[in-house]
Structures are given as C-alpha cells and as structure tokens.
Amino acid sequence: MATLLSLPLLSQSPDPPHLRLALSYVGEKEVTNNSSPVIDKWLAYVRLNSGYAYCAANVSYCIGVSGVSYPNVRSARAQSFILPGSISAAKMLRDNITIPKGSIVVWKDGNTAFGHVGFVREDWQGADGKTVEANTSGNNRGSQRDGEGVHLKDRRIIITAAFRITHFTLVSYE
C-alpha cells in the first residue's frame, strides 16, 4: 500500500493556495527573454532584475505570498529547494511514496549547479506525474529549464537522465 505524505491544508483543500496561485499563471509568456511584467515581479521578489531564469523565483513568490510556513525559501536557484527533509526521487520510487499535490519538484541538470523547479499539481505516485512550471517550454522539444513561459507538464522520473527529477519538498502551512 502506498504512503500518502500529508501536511496541513494540502489534503483539506482541492488545491492549496500556493498551487492555485501557480496555476493562475499558466499561459504567462515572456515578452522579451526572461521578462514580462509578471515575470519581473517574481524576479524582484528574489531581488533580481529582469532577464534571469525565473522558475525558482516563481516558486519562491507563490509560496511566499500564500502564507506557506515551510519551506521558507526565497531564492532564484532551483537547488535551494532541496532541504534536509526533502524526499529523493529514488526513495519515492523505491518506497512507493505518494507525493501530495502542491509539493515542490526539483530537477538537476547533469553535474552542474543548474536545475529547474516547479509544483506537483496532482498527487504523484510512481514514475509519472503532472506539474505546473515557470520558465519551461510548452512541449517536450524546447528547453525544459529555460523556456518561454508557464505551462502544465506531464513529467517522468528517470533517475539516470542528464536533466532529471532528483527531489520533492513537501509544503506546509503550519
């Protein structure tokens, strides 16, 4: 039997506030490279000017203005969302753990310091899951970590891939 990791409000609401906010941005597009009035607002939230990669800025903004108590991360770096309590993708698959919607999903790009981050939009069990992500492409052909907007994505955990999901960080309001 799968384990459902639940935190306050995640299971009490159809969509937790930070996920509702993230979903409200679906369709937001860059006007110029890594910039639009909304994207610039997210980047300003993490103290950056327009023109920077913004996936982590979007996640920081959505959790920061929605009353999330954990994680308390305000960063433009995707890897900053890997915390001591994060669940590795390998453990999630091995132990058949269900990740609740609203959790943060983190990617790593090869052996670099670069990555990507977004939100789980439906409870995720097994290799396949659904996300909402900023700074990605609308399909699987363009850049997955430096795209042109906010999109709903279907993702797969492939532990050995160069660009791979590595961790999930649960979100709490208490």
N, C-alpha and C. Protein backbone atom coordinates (compact mmCIF):
# COMPACT_ATOMS: atom_id res chain seq x y z
N MET A 1 0.85 -1.18 0.00
CA MET A 1 0.00 0.00 0.00
C MET A 1 0.89 1.24 0.00
N ALA A 2 0.52 2.24 -0.77
CA ALA A 2 1.30 3.47 -0.88
C ALA A 2 1.12 4.32 0.36
N THR A 3 2.14 5.09 0.66
CA THR A 3 2.09 6.02 1.77
C THR A 3 1.76 7.40 1.22
N LEU A 4 0.75 8.06 1.76
CA LEU A 4 0.44 9.43 1.38
C LEU A 4 0.98 10.34 2.45
N LEU A 5 1.96 11.14 2.07
CA LEU A 5 2.52 12.11 2.99
C LEU A 5 1.63 13.34 2.94
N SER A 6 0.97 13.64 4.04
CA SER A 6 0.07 14.79 4.02
C SER A 6 0.49 15.79 5.07
N LEU A 7 0.31 17.02 4.75
CA LEU A 7 0.62 18.12 5.64
C LEU A 7 -0.64 18.97 5.77
N PRO A 8 -0.74 19.79 6.80
CA PRO A 8 -1.94 20.60 7.00
C PRO A 8 -2.30 21.39 5.74
N LEU A 9 -3.55 21.43 5.41
CA LEU A 9 -4.18 22.11 4.31
C LEU A 9 -3.99 21.43 2.96
N LEU A 10 -2.91 20.69 2.77
CA LEU A 10 -2.72 20.07 1.47
C LEU A 10 -3.84 19.08 1.17
N SER A 11 -4.28 18.35 2.18
CA SER A 11 -5.35 17.39 1.93
C SER A 11 -6.73 17.96 2.26
N GLN A 12 -6.78 19.17 2.84
CA GLN A 12 -8.06 19.75 3.23
C GLN A 12 -8.66 20.62 2.12
N SER A 13 -7.89 20.97 1.14
CA SER A 13 -8.35 21.86 0.09
C SER A 13 -8.15 21.19 -1.26
N PRO A 14 -9.07 21.41 -2.21
CA PRO A 14 -8.84 20.83 -3.53
C PRO A 14 -7.46 21.21 -4.07
N ASP A 15 -7.09 22.45 -3.97
CA ASP A 15 -5.75 22.92 -4.32
C ASP A 15 -5.30 23.88 -3.23
N PRO A 16 -4.12 23.68 -2.65
CA PRO A 16 -3.64 24.62 -1.65
C PRO A 16 -3.41 26.00 -2.29
N PRO A 17 -3.45 27.07 -1.49
CA PRO A 17 -3.35 28.43 -2.05
C PRO A 17 -2.14 28.67 -2.95
N HIS A 18 -0.98 28.16 -2.58
CA HIS A 18 0.20 28.42 -3.42
C HIS A 18 0.09 27.72 -4.77
N LEU A 19 -0.56 26.55 -4.80
CA LEU A 19 -0.75 25.85 -6.06
C LEU A 19 -1.80 26.56 -6.90
N ARG A 20 -2.88 27.03 -6.28
CA ARG A 20 -3.88 27.81 -7.01
C ARG A 20 -3.23 29.04 -7.65
N LEU A 21 -2.35 29.70 -6.90
CA LEU A 21 -1.67 30.87 -7.43
C LEU A 21 -0.79 30.48 -8.62
N ALA A 22 -0.01 29.43 -8.46
CA ALA A 22 0.86 28.97 -9.55
C ALA A 22 0.03 28.63 -10.79
N LEU A 23 -1.09 27.95 -10.60
CA LEU A 23 -1.94 27.58 -11.73
C LEU A 23 -2.56 28.81 -12.40
N SER A 24 -2.76 29.88 -11.64
CA SER A 24 -3.34 31.09 -12.23
C SER A 24 -2.40 31.74 -13.24
N TYR A 25 -1.12 31.39 -13.19
CA TYR A 25 -0.13 31.97 -14.12
C TYR A 25 0.05 31.15 -15.39
N VAL A 26 -0.61 30.00 -15.51
CA VAL A 26 -0.47 29.18 -16.72
C VAL A 26 -0.84 30.03 -17.93
N GLY A 27 0.03 30.02 -18.91
CA GLY A 27 -0.16 30.82 -20.12
C GLY A 27 0.63 32.11 -20.11
N GLU A 28 1.18 32.50 -18.96
CA GLU A 28 2.05 33.69 -18.91
C GLU A 28 3.24 33.44 -19.82
N LYS A 29 3.53 34.41 -20.67
CA LYS A 29 4.63 34.27 -21.64
C LYS A 29 5.63 35.41 -21.49
N GLU A 30 6.85 35.13 -21.85
CA GLU A 30 7.88 36.16 -21.89
C GLU A 30 7.56 37.16 -22.99
N VAL A 31 7.77 38.44 -22.71
CA VAL A 31 7.65 39.48 -23.72
C VAL A 31 9.00 39.63 -24.42
N THR A 32 10.05 39.67 -23.63
CA THR A 32 11.43 39.57 -24.12
C THR A 32 12.07 38.45 -23.32
N ASN A 33 13.30 38.10 -23.63
CA ASN A 33 13.95 36.96 -22.97
C ASN A 33 13.90 37.07 -21.45
N ASN A 34 13.25 36.10 -20.81
CA ASN A 34 13.13 36.03 -19.35
C ASN A 34 12.54 37.29 -18.73
N SER A 35 11.57 37.89 -19.41
CA SER A 35 11.00 39.13 -18.90
C SER A 35 9.56 39.33 -19.39
N SER A 36 8.75 39.79 -18.47
CA SER A 36 7.40 40.31 -18.71
C SER A 36 7.06 41.05 -17.42
N PRO A 37 6.00 41.84 -17.39
CA PRO A 37 5.68 42.50 -16.11
C PRO A 37 5.50 41.50 -14.95
N VAL A 38 4.85 40.37 -15.19
CA VAL A 38 4.65 39.38 -14.13
C VAL A 38 5.95 38.68 -13.77
N ILE A 39 6.70 38.26 -14.76
CA ILE A 39 7.99 37.59 -14.51
C ILE A 39 8.93 38.53 -13.76
N ASP A 40 8.94 39.80 -14.14
CA ASP A 40 9.80 40.78 -13.45
C ASP A 40 9.39 40.92 -11.99
N LYS A 41 8.08 40.78 -11.69
CA LYS A 41 7.61 40.83 -10.29
C LYS A 41 8.17 39.64 -9.50
N TRP A 42 8.16 38.45 -10.11
CA TRP A 42 8.74 37.28 -9.42
C TRP A 42 10.22 37.48 -9.19
N LEU A 43 10.93 37.96 -10.22
CA LEU A 43 12.38 38.16 -10.08
C LEU A 43 12.69 39.22 -9.02
N ALA A 44 11.91 40.29 -8.98
CA ALA A 44 12.11 41.31 -7.95
C ALA A 44 11.91 40.73 -6.55
N TYR A 45 11.00 39.77 -6.42
CA TYR A 45 10.75 39.13 -5.13
C TYR A 45 11.99 38.43 -4.59
N VAL A 46 12.84 37.93 -5.49
CA VAL A 46 14.10 37.29 -5.07
C VAL A 46 15.29 38.22 -5.32
N ARG A 47 14.99 39.51 -5.46
CA ARG A 47 15.99 40.57 -5.56
C ARG A 47 16.86 40.47 -6.83
N LEU A 48 16.22 40.16 -7.93
CA LEU A 48 16.92 40.14 -9.22
C LEU A 48 16.20 41.05 -10.21
N ASN A 49 16.96 41.56 -11.16
CA ASN A 49 16.38 42.34 -12.26
C ASN A 49 15.83 41.40 -13.31
N SER A 50 15.11 41.94 -14.26
CA SER A 50 14.58 41.12 -15.34
C SER A 50 15.71 40.52 -16.15
N GLY A 51 15.39 39.42 -16.84
CA GLY A 51 16.37 38.78 -17.70
C GLY A 51 16.99 37.52 -17.13
N TYR A 52 16.72 37.19 -15.89
CA TYR A 52 17.27 35.98 -15.27
C TYR A 52 16.27 34.83 -15.39
N ALA A 53 16.78 33.62 -15.31
CA ALA A 53 15.91 32.44 -15.24
C ALA A 53 14.97 32.63 -14.05
N TYR A 54 13.72 32.22 -14.19
CA TYR A 54 12.71 32.59 -13.20
C TYR A 54 11.89 31.44 -12.63
N CYS A 55 12.24 30.18 -12.90
CA CYS A 55 11.43 29.09 -12.35
C CYS A 55 11.42 29.13 -10.82
N ALA A 56 12.59 29.29 -10.22
CA ALA A 56 12.67 29.31 -8.75
C ALA A 56 12.08 30.60 -8.18
N ALA A 57 12.19 31.69 -8.91
CA ALA A 57 11.58 32.95 -8.47
C ALA A 57 10.06 32.79 -8.41
N ASN A 58 9.50 32.10 -9.40
CA ASN A 58 8.06 31.83 -9.39
C ASN A 58 7.65 31.00 -8.19
N VAL A 59 8.39 29.93 -7.91
CA VAL A 59 8.09 29.07 -6.77
C VAL A 59 8.23 29.87 -5.47
N SER A 60 9.32 30.63 -5.35
CA SER A 60 9.52 31.46 -4.15
C SER A 60 8.36 32.42 -3.95
N TYR A 61 7.95 33.08 -5.01
CA TYR A 61 6.85 34.04 -4.93
C TYR A 61 5.55 33.35 -4.52
N CYS A 62 5.22 32.26 -5.17
CA CYS A 62 3.96 31.57 -4.88
C CYS A 62 3.88 31.09 -3.44
N ILE A 63 4.96 30.53 -2.91
CA ILE A 63 4.91 30.07 -1.52
C ILE A 63 5.02 31.25 -0.55
N GLY A 64 5.77 32.28 -0.94
CA GLY A 64 6.00 33.41 -0.05
C GLY A 64 4.77 34.26 0.19
N VAL A 65 3.95 34.45 -0.83
CA VAL A 65 2.78 35.32 -0.66
C VAL A 65 1.52 34.54 -0.28
N SER A 66 1.63 33.22 -0.19
CA SER A 66 0.45 32.39 0.11
C SER A 66 0.38 31.92 1.56
N GLY A 67 1.28 32.37 2.39
CA GLY A 67 1.23 32.00 3.80
C GLY A 67 1.85 30.66 4.13
N VAL A 68 2.66 30.12 3.23
CA VAL A 68 3.34 28.85 3.49
C VAL A 68 4.35 29.06 4.62
N SER A 69 4.37 28.14 5.58
CA SER A 69 5.36 28.23 6.65
C SER A 69 6.61 27.41 6.36
N TYR A 70 6.46 26.34 5.56
CA TYR A 70 7.61 25.52 5.17
C TYR A 70 7.41 25.02 3.76
N PRO A 71 8.41 25.18 2.92
CA PRO A 71 9.74 25.72 3.20
C PRO A 71 9.73 27.24 3.15
N ASN A 72 10.63 27.82 3.87
CA ASN A 72 10.79 29.27 3.89
C ASN A 72 11.99 29.62 3.02
N VAL A 73 11.83 29.44 1.73
CA VAL A 73 12.93 29.67 0.78
C VAL A 73 12.57 30.85 -0.11
N ARG A 74 13.51 31.74 -0.26
CA ARG A 74 13.35 32.88 -1.17
C ARG A 74 14.61 32.94 -2.01
N SER A 75 14.57 32.27 -3.14
CA SER A 75 15.78 32.09 -3.94
C SER A 75 15.45 31.98 -5.42
N ALA A 76 16.41 32.34 -6.25
CA ALA A 76 16.28 32.16 -7.69
C ALA A 76 17.01 30.90 -8.14
N ARG A 77 17.51 30.12 -7.20
CA ARG A 77 18.27 28.91 -7.51
C ARG A 77 17.44 27.68 -7.19
N ALA A 78 17.17 26.85 -8.19
CA ALA A 78 16.32 25.67 -8.01
C ALA A 78 16.85 24.75 -6.92
N GLN A 79 18.14 24.54 -6.86
CA GLN A 79 18.72 23.61 -5.89
C GLN A 79 18.51 24.07 -4.44
N SER A 80 18.16 25.34 -4.24
CA SER A 80 17.88 25.85 -2.88
C SER A 80 16.63 25.21 -2.28
N PHE A 81 15.81 24.58 -3.12
CA PHE A 81 14.60 23.95 -2.63
C PHE A 81 14.82 22.49 -2.21
N ILE A 82 16.04 22.03 -2.28
CA ILE A 82 16.39 20.72 -1.72
C ILE A 82 16.82 20.97 -0.29
N LEU A 83 16.04 20.48 0.64
CA LEU A 83 16.25 20.73 2.06
C LEU A 83 16.46 19.40 2.79
N PRO A 84 16.91 19.44 4.05
CA PRO A 84 17.14 18.18 4.77
C PRO A 84 15.93 17.24 4.79
N GLY A 85 14.72 17.77 4.78
CA GLY A 85 13.53 16.91 4.81
C GLY A 85 13.01 16.52 3.44
N SER A 86 13.68 16.94 2.38
CA SER A 86 13.21 16.61 1.03
C SER A 86 13.30 15.11 0.79
N ILE A 87 12.45 14.63 -0.09
CA ILE A 87 12.41 13.20 -0.42
C ILE A 87 13.07 13.02 -1.78
N SER A 88 14.07 12.16 -1.84
CA SER A 88 14.72 11.93 -3.12
C SER A 88 13.77 11.17 -4.05
N ALA A 89 13.93 11.42 -5.33
CA ALA A 89 13.09 10.72 -6.31
C ALA A 89 13.33 9.22 -6.24
N ALA A 90 14.58 8.82 -6.01
CA ALA A 90 14.90 7.39 -5.90
C ALA A 90 14.15 6.76 -4.72
N LYS A 91 14.13 7.44 -3.57
CA LYS A 91 13.40 6.92 -2.40
C LYS A 91 11.90 6.88 -2.67
N MET A 92 11.40 7.91 -3.31
CA MET A 92 9.98 7.97 -3.62
C MET A 92 9.57 6.75 -4.45
N LEU A 93 10.37 6.42 -5.47
CA LEU A 93 10.06 5.26 -6.31
C LEU A 93 10.26 3.95 -5.55
N ARG A 94 11.38 3.83 -4.85
CA ARG A 94 11.71 2.59 -4.14
C ARG A 94 10.70 2.26 -3.06
N ASP A 95 10.27 3.28 -2.29
CA ASP A 95 9.36 3.05 -1.17
C ASP A 95 7.89 3.26 -1.52
N ASN A 96 7.60 3.48 -2.80
CA ASN A 96 6.23 3.66 -3.27
C ASN A 96 5.52 4.77 -2.51
N ILE A 97 6.18 5.91 -2.38
CA ILE A 97 5.64 7.06 -1.66
C ILE A 97 4.81 7.91 -2.61
N THR A 98 3.65 8.33 -2.17
CA THR A 98 2.83 9.26 -2.93
C THR A 98 3.17 10.68 -2.47
N ILE A 99 3.53 11.52 -3.42
CA ILE A 99 3.86 12.92 -3.13
C ILE A 99 2.58 13.74 -3.31
N PRO A 100 2.18 14.50 -2.27
CA PRO A 100 0.93 15.25 -2.38
C PRO A 100 1.03 16.44 -3.34
N LYS A 101 -0.10 16.74 -3.98
CA LYS A 101 -0.14 17.92 -4.85
C LYS A 101 0.23 19.15 -4.03
N GLY A 102 0.87 20.09 -4.71
CA GLY A 102 1.35 21.29 -4.05
C GLY A 102 2.80 21.18 -3.62
N SER A 103 3.34 19.96 -3.60
CA SER A 103 4.75 19.79 -3.25
C SER A 103 5.63 20.39 -4.34
N ILE A 104 6.85 20.67 -3.99
CA ILE A 104 7.82 21.24 -4.92
C ILE A 104 8.64 20.11 -5.52
N VAL A 105 8.80 20.14 -6.83
CA VAL A 105 9.60 19.13 -7.54
C VAL A 105 10.86 19.83 -8.06
N VAL A 106 12.02 19.18 -7.86
CA VAL A 106 13.31 19.78 -8.20
C VAL A 106 14.07 18.89 -9.18
N TRP A 107 14.62 19.52 -10.21
CA TRP A 107 15.45 18.85 -11.22
C TRP A 107 16.90 19.28 -11.05
N LYS A 108 17.80 18.46 -11.56
CA LYS A 108 19.21 18.81 -11.67
C LYS A 108 19.61 18.62 -13.13
N ASP A 109 20.49 19.49 -13.61
CA ASP A 109 20.95 19.42 -14.99
C ASP A 109 22.38 18.90 -15.00
N GLY A 110 22.52 17.60 -15.27
CA GLY A 110 23.84 16.97 -15.30
C GLY A 110 24.56 17.10 -13.97
N ASN A 111 25.86 17.40 -14.05
CA ASN A 111 26.66 17.61 -12.85
C ASN A 111 26.88 19.09 -12.59
N THR A 112 26.03 19.93 -13.14
CA THR A 112 26.16 21.37 -12.98
C THR A 112 25.42 21.84 -11.73
N ALA A 113 25.54 23.11 -11.44
CA ALA A 113 24.79 23.71 -10.33
C ALA A 113 23.39 24.13 -10.79
N PHE A 114 23.11 23.91 -12.07
CA PHE A 114 21.83 24.34 -12.63
C PHE A 114 20.76 23.28 -12.46
N GLY A 115 19.54 23.73 -12.48
CA GLY A 115 18.40 22.83 -12.36
C GLY A 115 17.13 23.52 -12.73
N HIS A 116 16.06 23.03 -12.19
CA HIS A 116 14.73 23.54 -12.51
C HIS A 116 13.83 23.18 -11.33
N VAL A 117 12.71 23.89 -11.20
CA VAL A 117 11.81 23.65 -10.08
C VAL A 117 10.39 24.02 -10.49
N GLY A 118 9.43 23.32 -9.92
CA GLY A 118 8.02 23.61 -10.18
C GLY A 118 7.18 23.00 -9.08
N PHE A 119 5.88 22.90 -9.32
CA PHE A 119 4.96 22.33 -8.34
C PHE A 119 4.28 21.08 -8.90
N VAL A 120 4.05 20.11 -8.02
CA VAL A 120 3.26 18.93 -8.33
C VAL A 120 1.80 19.38 -8.33
N ARG A 121 1.06 19.11 -9.41
CA ARG A 121 -0.32 19.60 -9.48
C ARG A 121 -1.37 18.53 -9.21
N GLU A 122 -0.98 17.28 -9.13
CA GLU A 122 -1.86 16.18 -8.70
C GLU A 122 -1.01 15.24 -7.86
N ASP A 123 -1.62 14.57 -6.88
CA ASP A 123 -0.86 13.60 -6.10
C ASP A 123 -0.06 12.74 -7.07
N TRP A 124 1.23 12.53 -6.76
CA TRP A 124 2.16 11.85 -7.68
C TRP A 124 2.60 10.55 -7.05
N GLN A 125 2.32 9.45 -7.75
CA GLN A 125 2.78 8.13 -7.32
C GLN A 125 3.39 7.44 -8.53
N GLY A 126 4.54 6.85 -8.35
CA GLY A 126 5.22 6.18 -9.45
C GLY A 126 6.05 7.15 -10.27
N ALA A 127 6.47 6.71 -11.44
CA ALA A 127 7.39 7.49 -12.26
C ALA A 127 6.75 8.70 -12.94
N ASP A 128 5.46 8.66 -13.20
CA ASP A 128 4.81 9.72 -13.97
C ASP A 128 4.01 10.66 -13.09
N GLY A 129 4.15 11.96 -13.36
CA GLY A 129 3.41 12.95 -12.59
C GLY A 129 3.08 14.18 -13.41
N LYS A 130 2.25 15.03 -12.84
CA LYS A 130 1.80 16.25 -13.50
C LYS A 130 2.29 17.45 -12.70
N THR A 131 2.76 18.46 -13.43
CA THR A 131 3.35 19.63 -12.79
C THR A 131 2.83 20.92 -13.40
N VAL A 132 3.08 22.02 -12.72
CA VAL A 132 2.97 23.36 -13.27
C VAL A 132 4.34 23.99 -13.05
N GLU A 133 4.90 24.56 -14.13
CA GLU A 133 6.27 25.07 -14.08
C GLU A 133 6.37 26.39 -14.82
N ALA A 134 7.21 27.26 -14.31
CA ALA A 134 7.55 28.51 -14.99
C ALA A 134 8.92 28.34 -15.65
N ASN A 135 9.15 29.13 -16.70
CA ASN A 135 10.42 29.13 -17.44
C ASN A 135 10.69 27.77 -18.09
N THR A 136 9.65 27.23 -18.70
CA THR A 136 9.78 25.99 -19.44
C THR A 136 9.06 26.15 -20.78
N SER A 137 9.24 25.19 -21.65
CA SER A 137 8.55 25.25 -22.95
C SER A 137 7.21 24.54 -22.84
N GLY A 138 6.36 24.81 -23.81
CA GLY A 138 5.03 24.24 -23.80
C GLY A 138 4.96 22.81 -24.29
N ASN A 139 6.06 22.29 -24.79
CA ASN A 139 6.09 20.90 -25.23
C ASN A 139 7.41 20.27 -24.80
N ASN A 140 7.69 19.09 -25.25
CA ASN A 140 8.92 18.41 -24.82
C ASN A 140 10.09 18.65 -25.76
N ARG A 141 9.93 19.52 -26.76
CA ARG A 141 11.00 19.75 -27.73
C ARG A 141 11.89 20.93 -27.35
N GLY A 142 11.33 21.97 -26.76
CA GLY A 142 12.12 23.14 -26.41
C GLY A 142 12.85 22.94 -25.09
N SER A 143 13.46 24.00 -24.62
CA SER A 143 14.18 23.93 -23.35
C SER A 143 13.21 23.64 -22.22
N GLN A 144 13.56 22.70 -21.40
CA GLN A 144 12.71 22.32 -20.27
C GLN A 144 13.04 23.12 -19.02
N ARG A 145 14.20 23.78 -19.01
CA ARG A 145 14.56 24.57 -17.84
C ARG A 145 14.83 26.03 -18.18
N ASP A 146 14.63 26.42 -19.42
CA ASP A 146 14.78 27.81 -19.82
C ASP A 146 13.88 28.08 -21.02
N GLY A 147 12.59 27.89 -20.82
CA GLY A 147 11.62 28.06 -21.88
C GLY A 147 11.06 29.46 -21.92
N GLU A 148 9.84 29.59 -22.46
CA GLU A 148 9.29 30.92 -22.70
C GLU A 148 8.09 31.28 -21.84
N GLY A 149 7.69 30.40 -20.89
CA GLY A 149 6.51 30.75 -20.12
C GLY A 149 6.16 29.75 -19.04
N VAL A 150 4.90 29.82 -18.61
CA VAL A 150 4.38 28.95 -17.55
C VAL A 150 3.46 27.93 -18.22
N HIS A 151 3.73 26.65 -17.95
CA HIS A 151 2.99 25.58 -18.63
C HIS A 151 2.66 24.44 -17.68
N LEU A 152 1.60 23.73 -18.01
CA LEU A 152 1.28 22.45 -17.38
C LEU A 152 2.10 21.39 -18.10
N LYS A 153 2.71 20.49 -17.33
CA LYS A 153 3.59 19.49 -17.92
C LYS A 153 3.24 18.10 -17.38
N ASP A 154 3.48 17.10 -18.20
CA ASP A 154 3.47 15.71 -17.78
C ASP A 154 4.94 15.30 -17.70
N ARG A 155 5.37 14.84 -16.54
CA ARG A 155 6.79 14.55 -16.33
C ARG A 155 6.99 13.10 -15.93
N ARG A 156 8.20 12.62 -16.12
CA ARG A 156 8.57 11.25 -15.79
C ARG A 156 9.90 11.28 -15.03
N ILE A 157 9.97 10.51 -13.97
CA ILE A 157 11.23 10.36 -13.23
C ILE A 157 12.07 9.32 -13.96
N ILE A 158 13.24 9.75 -14.41
CA ILE A 158 14.24 8.86 -14.99
C ILE A 158 15.54 9.17 -14.26
N ILE A 159 15.85 8.37 -13.28
CA ILE A 159 16.97 8.63 -12.37
C ILE A 159 18.29 8.82 -13.11
N THR A 160 18.47 8.14 -14.24
CA THR A 160 19.75 8.18 -14.96
C THR A 160 19.83 9.27 -16.02
N ALA A 161 18.77 10.03 -16.24
CA ALA A 161 18.78 11.08 -17.26
C ALA A 161 19.70 12.22 -16.85
N ALA A 162 20.23 12.94 -17.82
CA ALA A 162 21.07 14.10 -17.52
C ALA A 162 20.24 15.19 -16.85
N PHE A 163 19.13 15.55 -17.45
CA PHE A 163 18.19 16.50 -16.85
C PHE A 163 17.15 15.66 -16.15
N ARG A 164 17.19 15.61 -14.82
CA ARG A 164 16.40 14.63 -14.09
C ARG A 164 15.77 15.21 -12.83
N ILE A 165 14.63 14.67 -12.48
CA ILE A 165 13.99 14.99 -11.21
C ILE A 165 14.80 14.30 -10.12
N THR A 166 15.20 15.07 -9.12
CA THR A 166 16.01 14.50 -8.04
C THR A 166 15.31 14.50 -6.68
N HIS A 167 14.43 15.49 -6.43
CA HIS A 167 13.83 15.62 -5.10
C HIS A 167 12.43 16.20 -5.16
N PHE A 168 11.71 15.94 -4.07
CA PHE A 168 10.42 16.56 -3.80
C PHE A 168 10.50 17.18 -2.42
N THR A 169 9.99 18.39 -2.28
CA THR A 169 9.95 19.05 -0.99
C THR A 169 8.49 19.32 -0.66
N LEU A 170 8.05 18.79 0.47
CA LEU A 170 6.65 18.96 0.89
C LEU A 170 6.44 20.38 1.39
N VAL A 171 5.22 20.86 1.31
CA VAL A 171 4.86 22.22 1.69
C VAL A 171 3.88 22.16 2.84
N SER A 172 4.07 23.04 3.82
CA SER A 172 3.21 23.07 4.99
C SER A 172 2.76 24.49 5.30
N TYR A 173 1.55 24.60 5.84
CA TYR A 173 1.02 25.89 6.28
C TYR A 173 1.04 26.01 7.81
N GLU A 174 1.60 25.05 8.50
CA GLU A 174 1.68 25.13 9.97
C GLU A 174 3.08 24.91 10.42
